[in-house]
Protein backbone atom coordinates (compact mmCIF):
# COMPACT_ATOMS: atom_id res chain seq x y z
CA PRO A 1 -35.65 22.79 -104.59
CA PRO A 2 -34.04 25.63 -106.53
CA ARG A 3 -30.38 25.18 -107.37
CA PRO A 4 -27.98 27.98 -106.42
CA ALA A 5 -26.36 30.15 -109.06
CA ALA A 6 -23.35 32.39 -108.52
CA ILE A 7 -22.96 35.11 -111.13
CA CYS A 8 -20.57 37.89 -112.05
CA LEU A 9 -21.87 40.85 -114.03
CA ILE A 10 -19.29 43.10 -115.70
CA ALA A 11 -19.85 46.50 -117.30
CA GLY A 12 -17.58 48.98 -119.01
CA ARG A 13 -19.52 51.86 -117.51
CA ARG A 14 -18.42 53.04 -114.07
CA GLN A 15 -21.62 54.68 -112.84
CA GLY A 16 -25.35 54.20 -112.77
CA ASP A 17 -27.47 53.09 -109.83
CA LYS A 18 -29.45 50.65 -111.98
CA LEU A 19 -26.64 49.60 -114.31
CA PHE A 20 -27.17 45.86 -113.82
CA ASP A 21 -30.92 45.81 -113.11
CA GLY A 22 -32.03 44.87 -116.62
CA ALA A 23 -29.38 42.18 -117.08
CA LEU A 24 -30.11 40.73 -113.65
CA LEU A 25 -33.85 40.62 -114.28
CA THR A 26 -33.35 38.87 -117.63
CA LEU A 27 -30.85 36.43 -116.14
CA ASN A 28 -33.20 35.60 -113.27
CA TYR A 29 -36.02 34.75 -115.68
CA PHE A 30 -33.69 32.66 -117.82
CA LEU A 31 -32.24 30.76 -114.85
CA ARG A 32 -35.70 30.12 -113.41
CA THR A 33 -36.40 27.95 -116.47
CA PHE A 34 -33.63 25.60 -115.32
CA ASN A 35 -34.59 25.76 -111.62
CA PHE A 36 -31.68 28.02 -110.67
CA GLN A 37 -31.88 30.93 -108.26
CA VAL A 38 -29.21 33.64 -108.04
CA ARG A 39 -27.65 33.28 -104.62
CA ASP A 40 -24.33 35.09 -104.97
CA GLN A 41 -23.73 38.08 -107.21
CA LEU A 42 -20.57 40.02 -107.94
CA SER A 43 -20.85 43.20 -110.03
CA LEU A 44 -17.75 44.81 -111.50
CA ARG A 45 -17.82 48.23 -113.13
CA GLY A 46 -15.37 50.01 -115.40
CA MET A 47 -14.04 46.88 -117.08
CA ASP A 48 -14.01 47.96 -120.72
CA ALA A 49 -10.60 47.14 -122.20
CA ALA A 50 -9.22 43.65 -122.66
CA ASP A 51 -6.72 43.95 -119.78
CA ASP A 52 -8.88 45.90 -117.31
CA LEU A 53 -9.64 42.90 -115.08
CA GLN A 54 -6.04 41.67 -115.17
CA GLU A 55 -4.77 45.10 -114.10
CA ASN A 56 -7.40 45.70 -111.39
CA HIS A 57 -6.07 43.50 -108.59
CA PRO A 58 -8.92 44.10 -106.11
CA ALA A 59 -11.51 43.19 -108.77
CA LYS A 60 -9.51 40.16 -109.88
CA ASP A 61 -9.09 39.00 -106.29
CA ALA A 62 -12.83 39.48 -105.64
CA LEU A 63 -13.68 37.38 -108.70
CA VAL A 64 -11.31 34.59 -107.71
CA ALA A 65 -12.64 34.63 -104.14
CA ALA A 66 -16.25 34.54 -105.37
CA GLY A 67 -15.46 31.58 -107.61
CA ALA A 68 -13.74 29.74 -104.78
CA ALA A 69 -16.65 30.43 -102.42
CA ALA A 70 -19.16 29.23 -105.01
CA TRP A 71 -17.19 26.03 -105.58
CA GLU A 72 -16.86 25.46 -101.84
CA SER A 73 -20.58 25.90 -101.25
CA LEU A 74 -21.50 23.63 -104.15
CA THR A 75 -19.20 20.84 -103.05
CA SER A 76 -19.87 21.07 -99.31
CA PRO A 77 -21.30 17.98 -97.60
CA GLU A 78 -24.42 19.92 -96.56
CA THR A 79 -25.51 20.52 -100.14
CA GLY A 80 -24.55 17.10 -101.47
CA LYS A 81 -23.90 18.59 -104.88
CA LEU A 82 -21.20 17.67 -107.35
């Protein structure tokens, strides 16, 4: 069965309805080679400078929460992973 992948896509640009479409399509094809399927995706916009993520507390909190949720789902007894 496909293995789950949790990803975070970050862009410096703040707008664009299809901003992540090309990157996501390429990533999906790449991950398919290794039997991964994107299950959880977090997309952050407007992160251009080195400290942008550190200074944007909601974005930083969302990234930490997404990482914790991914770890929890991968290590849960139902999945039997890790």
